[in-house]
Amino acid sequence: QVQLVESGGGLVQGGGSLTLSCAVSGSIFSINSMAWYRQAPGKQRELVASITSGSSRNYADSVKGRFTISRDSAKNTVYLQMNSLKPEDTAVYYCNAVGRPYSWSFGVSLYWGQGTQVTASS
């Protein structure tokens, strides 16, 4: 069974930095893309950053220039380096992966981590 295990969340002062990690455990044939989403209280879940198997990256406008997504394909792990954190970055951050579970899989499956809390104080 495929699981996404997140780590690295916590409390940080505004202007500080945190790095989130998300490792895929279990057997999966291939991963097309991985991403980080976040959900603040009372708000919808939103895409923060994504990275494809070809290392093409996409960022939400609100985090461009401050956050960097990277991926270690050999370890099936994705990272989110967050710098210059603002109180509005406070949210639960979720890891996401899209991939084929088996070589014979016709389509792709979507996987989610359990979420990790990031709090940036003012």
N, C-alpha and C. Protein backbone atom coordinates (compact mmCIF):
# COMPACT_ATOMS: atom_id res chain seq x y z
N GLN A 1 0.84 -1.19 0.00
CA GLN A 1 0.00 0.00 0.00
C GLN A 1 0.88 1.24 0.00
N VAL A 2 0.59 2.17 -0.87
CA VAL A 2 1.39 3.38 -0.98
C VAL A 2 0.97 4.39 0.08
N GLN A 3 1.95 4.95 0.78
CA GLN A 3 1.68 5.98 1.76
C GLN A 3 2.64 7.14 1.55
N LEU A 4 2.18 8.34 1.83
CA LEU A 4 3.02 9.53 1.78
C LEU A 4 3.24 9.98 3.21
N VAL A 5 4.50 10.05 3.61
CA VAL A 5 4.85 10.40 4.98
C VAL A 5 5.53 11.76 4.99
N GLU A 6 4.85 12.73 5.62
CA GLU A 6 5.35 14.11 5.65
C GLU A 6 6.07 14.37 6.97
N SER A 7 7.00 15.31 6.92
CA SER A 7 7.68 15.76 8.13
C SER A 7 8.20 17.17 7.90
N GLY A 8 8.54 17.83 9.01
CA GLY A 8 9.20 19.14 8.91
C GLY A 8 8.35 20.33 9.27
N GLY A 9 7.08 20.13 9.55
CA GLY A 9 6.25 21.26 9.93
C GLY A 9 6.61 21.75 11.32
N GLY A 10 6.02 22.89 11.69
CA GLY A 10 6.27 23.43 13.02
C GLY A 10 5.91 24.88 13.11
N LEU A 11 6.38 25.48 14.21
CA LEU A 11 6.13 26.90 14.49
C LEU A 11 7.40 27.68 14.22
N VAL A 12 7.26 28.78 13.49
CA VAL A 12 8.41 29.61 13.19
C VAL A 12 7.99 31.06 13.22
N GLN A 13 8.91 31.93 13.55
CA GLN A 13 8.61 33.37 13.53
C GLN A 13 8.51 33.85 12.08
N GLY A 14 7.71 34.88 11.88
CA GLY A 14 7.62 35.48 10.56
C GLY A 14 9.01 35.85 10.06
N GLY A 15 9.27 35.56 8.78
CA GLY A 15 10.59 35.80 8.22
C GLY A 15 11.51 34.60 8.30
N GLY A 16 11.09 33.60 9.05
CA GLY A 16 11.91 32.42 9.22
C GLY A 16 11.74 31.42 8.09
N SER A 17 12.38 30.25 8.25
CA SER A 17 12.39 29.22 7.21
C SER A 17 12.03 27.87 7.79
N LEU A 18 11.45 27.05 6.96
CA LEU A 18 11.17 25.65 7.27
C LEU A 18 11.34 24.84 6.00
N THR A 19 11.69 23.58 6.18
CA THR A 19 11.74 22.66 5.04
C THR A 19 10.83 21.46 5.32
N LEU A 20 9.90 21.23 4.43
CA LEU A 20 9.02 20.08 4.53
C LEU A 20 9.56 18.95 3.66
N SER A 21 9.37 17.72 4.12
CA SER A 21 9.76 16.54 3.35
C SER A 21 8.56 15.62 3.23
N CYS A 22 8.51 14.90 2.13
CA CYS A 22 7.45 13.93 1.92
C CYS A 22 8.04 12.73 1.20
N ALA A 23 8.01 11.60 1.86
CA ALA A 23 8.57 10.37 1.29
C ALA A 23 7.44 9.40 0.94
N VAL A 24 7.56 8.79 -0.23
CA VAL A 24 6.59 7.80 -0.66
C VAL A 24 7.06 6.43 -0.17
N SER A 25 6.24 5.81 0.63
CA SER A 25 6.57 4.46 1.10
C SER A 25 5.65 3.46 0.43
N GLY A 26 6.12 2.22 0.30
CA GLY A 26 5.35 1.21 -0.40
C GLY A 26 5.77 1.15 -1.85
N SER A 27 5.26 0.15 -2.53
CA SER A 27 5.67 -0.07 -3.91
C SER A 27 4.80 0.71 -4.88
N ILE A 28 5.44 1.46 -5.74
CA ILE A 28 4.72 2.18 -6.78
C ILE A 28 5.54 2.10 -8.06
N PHE A 29 4.91 1.85 -9.18
CA PHE A 29 5.64 1.64 -10.41
C PHE A 29 6.30 2.93 -10.91
N SER A 30 5.57 4.01 -10.95
CA SER A 30 6.13 5.28 -11.42
C SER A 30 5.35 6.45 -10.84
N ILE A 31 6.04 7.55 -10.69
CA ILE A 31 5.41 8.78 -10.18
C ILE A 31 5.50 9.84 -11.27
N ASN A 32 4.37 10.37 -11.67
CA ASN A 32 4.34 11.40 -12.70
C ASN A 32 4.69 12.77 -12.15
N SER A 33 4.10 13.09 -11.01
CA SER A 33 4.33 14.40 -10.42
C SER A 33 4.08 14.33 -8.93
N MET A 34 4.68 15.28 -8.23
CA MET A 34 4.44 15.44 -6.80
C MET A 34 4.19 16.91 -6.53
N ALA A 35 3.47 17.17 -5.46
CA ALA A 35 3.09 18.55 -5.19
C ALA A 35 2.84 18.77 -3.72
N TRP A 36 2.81 20.02 -3.35
CA TRP A 36 2.41 20.45 -2.02
C TRP A 36 1.18 21.33 -2.15
N TYR A 37 0.19 21.03 -1.32
CA TYR A 37 -1.02 21.84 -1.20
C TYR A 37 -1.09 22.34 0.24
N ARG A 38 -1.91 23.33 0.46
CA ARG A 38 -2.13 23.79 1.83
C ARG A 38 -3.59 24.19 2.02
N GLN A 39 -4.01 24.10 3.27
CA GLN A 39 -5.37 24.49 3.61
C GLN A 39 -5.36 25.23 4.93
N ALA A 40 -5.75 26.49 4.87
CA ALA A 40 -5.87 27.31 6.06
C ALA A 40 -7.29 27.17 6.62
N PRO A 41 -7.48 27.45 7.90
CA PRO A 41 -8.82 27.34 8.49
C PRO A 41 -9.84 28.18 7.73
N GLY A 42 -10.95 27.56 7.37
CA GLY A 42 -12.01 28.27 6.68
C GLY A 42 -11.77 28.52 5.22
N LYS A 43 -10.67 27.99 4.68
CA LYS A 43 -10.35 28.21 3.27
C LYS A 43 -10.26 26.89 2.53
N GLN A 44 -10.32 26.97 1.20
CA GLN A 44 -10.19 25.78 0.38
C GLN A 44 -8.73 25.37 0.27
N ARG A 45 -8.53 24.09 0.01
CA ARG A 45 -7.18 23.62 -0.22
C ARG A 45 -6.67 24.22 -1.53
N GLU A 46 -5.42 24.68 -1.51
CA GLU A 46 -4.85 25.31 -2.69
C GLU A 46 -3.48 24.72 -3.02
N LEU A 47 -3.15 24.74 -4.30
CA LEU A 47 -1.85 24.27 -4.74
C LEU A 47 -0.78 25.28 -4.37
N VAL A 48 0.28 24.81 -3.76
CA VAL A 48 1.41 25.66 -3.41
C VAL A 48 2.51 25.54 -4.47
N ALA A 49 2.90 24.30 -4.76
CA ALA A 49 3.97 24.06 -5.73
C ALA A 49 3.88 22.63 -6.22
N SER A 50 4.33 22.42 -7.46
CA SER A 50 4.33 21.08 -8.02
C SER A 50 5.60 20.87 -8.83
N ILE A 51 5.96 19.60 -9.00
CA ILE A 51 7.14 19.26 -9.79
C ILE A 51 6.85 17.96 -10.53
N THR A 52 7.19 17.93 -11.81
CA THR A 52 6.92 16.75 -12.61
C THR A 52 8.14 15.83 -12.61
N SER A 53 7.98 14.67 -13.23
CA SER A 53 9.09 13.73 -13.34
C SER A 53 10.22 14.32 -14.17
N GLY A 54 9.89 15.28 -15.02
CA GLY A 54 10.91 15.96 -15.82
C GLY A 54 11.44 17.22 -15.15
N SER A 55 11.10 17.40 -13.87
CA SER A 55 11.55 18.53 -13.05
C SER A 55 10.99 19.87 -13.47
N SER A 56 9.86 19.86 -14.16
CA SER A 56 9.17 21.11 -14.45
C SER A 56 8.43 21.55 -13.19
N ARG A 57 8.62 22.79 -12.80
CA ARG A 57 8.07 23.30 -11.54
C ARG A 57 6.98 24.35 -11.79
N ASN A 58 6.04 24.37 -10.86
CA ASN A 58 4.97 25.36 -10.91
C ASN A 58 4.71 25.85 -9.49
N TYR A 59 4.53 27.17 -9.35
CA TYR A 59 4.32 27.75 -8.02
C TYR A 59 3.08 28.64 -8.01
N ALA A 60 2.44 28.68 -6.86
CA ALA A 60 1.39 29.68 -6.66
C ALA A 60 2.05 31.05 -6.63
N ASP A 61 1.33 32.05 -7.14
CA ASP A 61 1.89 33.40 -7.17
C ASP A 61 2.29 33.88 -5.78
N SER A 62 1.55 33.47 -4.78
CA SER A 62 1.78 33.96 -3.43
C SER A 62 3.09 33.46 -2.82
N VAL A 63 3.68 32.42 -3.41
CA VAL A 63 4.92 31.87 -2.83
C VAL A 63 6.11 31.98 -3.76
N LYS A 64 5.91 32.49 -4.97
CA LYS A 64 7.02 32.60 -5.92
C LYS A 64 8.13 33.46 -5.34
N GLY A 65 9.35 32.98 -5.49
CA GLY A 65 10.50 33.71 -4.97
C GLY A 65 10.82 33.41 -3.52
N ARG A 66 9.89 32.75 -2.82
CA ARG A 66 10.12 32.43 -1.40
C ARG A 66 10.20 30.92 -1.17
N PHE A 67 9.43 30.14 -1.91
CA PHE A 67 9.40 28.69 -1.73
C PHE A 67 10.08 28.00 -2.91
N THR A 68 10.72 26.88 -2.62
CA THR A 68 11.35 26.09 -3.67
C THR A 68 10.98 24.62 -3.49
N ILE A 69 10.46 24.02 -4.54
CA ILE A 69 10.14 22.60 -4.51
C ILE A 69 11.26 21.84 -5.22
N SER A 70 11.63 20.71 -4.64
CA SER A 70 12.66 19.87 -5.26
C SER A 70 12.28 18.41 -5.02
N ARG A 71 12.97 17.54 -5.75
CA ARG A 71 12.59 16.13 -5.73
C ARG A 71 13.81 15.26 -5.85
N ASP A 72 13.85 14.21 -5.05
CA ASP A 72 14.87 13.18 -5.16
C ASP A 72 14.16 11.93 -5.69
N SER A 73 14.25 11.72 -6.99
CA SER A 73 13.51 10.62 -7.60
C SER A 73 13.98 9.26 -7.12
N ALA A 74 15.27 9.14 -6.82
CA ALA A 74 15.80 7.86 -6.35
C ALA A 74 15.18 7.48 -5.01
N LYS A 75 14.85 8.49 -4.21
CA LYS A 75 14.28 8.24 -2.89
C LYS A 75 12.76 8.43 -2.88
N ASN A 76 12.18 8.77 -4.03
CA ASN A 76 10.75 9.06 -4.09
C ASN A 76 10.35 10.06 -3.01
N THR A 77 11.12 11.12 -2.91
CA THR A 77 10.90 12.13 -1.87
C THR A 77 10.83 13.51 -2.51
N VAL A 78 9.91 14.32 -2.00
CA VAL A 78 9.79 15.69 -2.45
C VAL A 78 9.98 16.61 -1.26
N TYR A 79 10.58 17.77 -1.52
CA TYR A 79 10.87 18.74 -0.46
C TYR A 79 10.23 20.08 -0.81
N LEU A 80 9.95 20.83 0.24
CA LEU A 80 9.49 22.20 0.04
C LEU A 80 10.29 23.09 0.98
N GLN A 81 11.21 23.85 0.41
CA GLN A 81 11.99 24.82 1.18
C GLN A 81 11.18 26.11 1.23
N MET A 82 10.86 26.54 2.43
CA MET A 82 10.04 27.74 2.61
C MET A 82 10.84 28.80 3.33
N ASN A 83 11.08 29.90 2.66
CA ASN A 83 11.83 31.02 3.23
C ASN A 83 10.92 32.24 3.38
N SER A 84 11.36 33.17 4.19
CA SER A 84 10.60 34.42 4.39
C SER A 84 9.13 34.13 4.68
N LEU A 85 8.90 33.24 5.61
CA LEU A 85 7.52 32.84 5.92
C LEU A 85 6.73 34.00 6.48
N LYS A 86 5.46 34.04 6.09
CA LYS A 86 4.55 35.09 6.52
C LYS A 86 3.40 34.45 7.32
N PRO A 87 2.76 35.22 8.17
CA PRO A 87 1.61 34.66 8.90
C PRO A 87 0.56 34.07 7.97
N GLU A 88 0.40 34.62 6.79
CA GLU A 88 -0.59 34.10 5.85
C GLU A 88 -0.19 32.76 5.24
N ASP A 89 1.02 32.31 5.48
CA ASP A 89 1.43 30.97 5.05
C ASP A 89 0.97 29.89 6.04
N THR A 90 0.45 30.33 7.16
CA THR A 90 -0.01 29.38 8.18
C THR A 90 -1.12 28.51 7.63
N ALA A 91 -0.93 27.20 7.70
CA ALA A 91 -1.89 26.26 7.15
C ALA A 91 -1.42 24.84 7.44
N VAL A 92 -2.29 23.88 7.14
CA VAL A 92 -1.87 22.49 7.10
C VAL A 92 -1.39 22.22 5.67
N TYR A 93 -0.19 21.70 5.56
CA TYR A 93 0.41 21.43 4.25
C TYR A 93 0.30 19.94 3.96
N TYR A 94 -0.19 19.65 2.75
CA TYR A 94 -0.41 18.26 2.33
C TYR A 94 0.47 17.94 1.14
N CYS A 95 1.07 16.76 1.20
CA CYS A 95 1.84 16.24 0.08
C CYS A 95 0.91 15.45 -0.84
N ASN A 96 1.20 15.50 -2.12
CA ASN A 96 0.36 14.84 -3.12
C ASN A 96 1.27 14.18 -4.15
N ALA A 97 0.87 13.00 -4.59
CA ALA A 97 1.62 12.32 -5.66
C ALA A 97 0.62 11.75 -6.66
N VAL A 98 1.00 11.81 -7.91
CA VAL A 98 0.19 11.23 -8.99
C VAL A 98 1.08 10.21 -9.70
N GLY A 99 0.62 8.97 -9.77
CA GLY A 99 1.46 7.96 -10.40
C GLY A 99 0.71 6.70 -10.74
N ARG A 100 1.45 5.79 -11.36
CA ARG A 100 0.89 4.49 -11.73
C ARG A 100 1.32 3.47 -10.69
N PRO A 101 0.38 2.83 -10.01
CA PRO A 101 0.76 1.87 -8.96
C PRO A 101 1.43 0.60 -9.50
N TYR A 102 1.04 0.17 -10.69
CA TYR A 102 1.61 -1.04 -11.26
C TYR A 102 1.96 -0.80 -12.73
N SER A 103 2.83 -1.64 -13.27
CA SER A 103 3.23 -1.47 -14.67
C SER A 103 2.05 -1.67 -15.60
N TRP A 104 1.07 -2.47 -15.16
CA TRP A 104 -0.07 -2.74 -16.00
C TRP A 104 -1.25 -1.80 -15.73
N SER A 105 -1.04 -0.83 -14.86
CA SER A 105 -2.13 0.11 -14.54
C SER A 105 -2.50 0.90 -15.77
N PHE A 106 -3.79 0.99 -16.02
CA PHE A 106 -4.26 1.72 -17.19
C PHE A 106 -4.16 3.23 -16.98
N GLY A 107 -4.51 3.68 -15.82
CA GLY A 107 -4.49 5.11 -15.52
C GLY A 107 -3.57 5.40 -14.36
N VAL A 108 -3.72 6.60 -13.84
CA VAL A 108 -2.91 7.00 -12.69
C VAL A 108 -3.79 7.07 -11.45
N SER A 109 -3.12 7.01 -10.31
CA SER A 109 -3.79 7.13 -9.03
C SER A 109 -3.28 8.37 -8.32
N LEU A 110 -4.10 8.86 -7.41
CA LEU A 110 -3.79 10.07 -6.65
C LEU A 110 -3.58 9.68 -5.21
N TYR A 111 -2.51 10.16 -4.62
CA TYR A 111 -2.19 9.84 -3.23
C TYR A 111 -2.00 11.13 -2.44
N TRP A 112 -2.41 11.07 -1.16
CA TRP A 112 -2.28 12.22 -0.27
C TRP A 112 -1.59 11.83 1.03
N GLY A 113 -0.80 12.76 1.56
CA GLY A 113 -0.25 12.59 2.89
C GLY A 113 -1.27 13.01 3.94
N GLN A 114 -0.89 12.85 5.21
CA GLN A 114 -1.81 13.13 6.30
C GLN A 114 -1.83 14.61 6.67
N GLY A 115 -0.87 15.36 6.19
CA GLY A 115 -0.81 16.78 6.48
C GLY A 115 0.12 17.10 7.62
N THR A 116 0.76 18.26 7.53
CA THR A 116 1.64 18.73 8.59
C THR A 116 1.38 20.22 8.80
N GLN A 117 1.31 20.61 10.05
CA GLN A 117 0.95 22.00 10.38
C GLN A 117 2.17 22.90 10.27
N VAL A 118 2.00 24.02 9.59
CA VAL A 118 3.01 25.07 9.53
C VAL A 118 2.37 26.34 10.08
N THR A 119 3.02 26.92 11.08
CA THR A 119 2.53 28.14 11.68
C THR A 119 3.63 29.18 11.68
N ALA A 120 3.35 30.31 11.07
CA ALA A 120 4.30 31.43 11.03
C ALA A 120 3.69 32.56 11.86
N SER A 121 4.35 32.90 12.94
CA SER A 121 3.82 33.91 13.84
C SER A 121 4.19 35.31 13.37
N SER A 122 3.37 36.25 13.76
CA SER A 122 3.62 37.65 13.35
C SER A 122 4.52 38.35 14.36
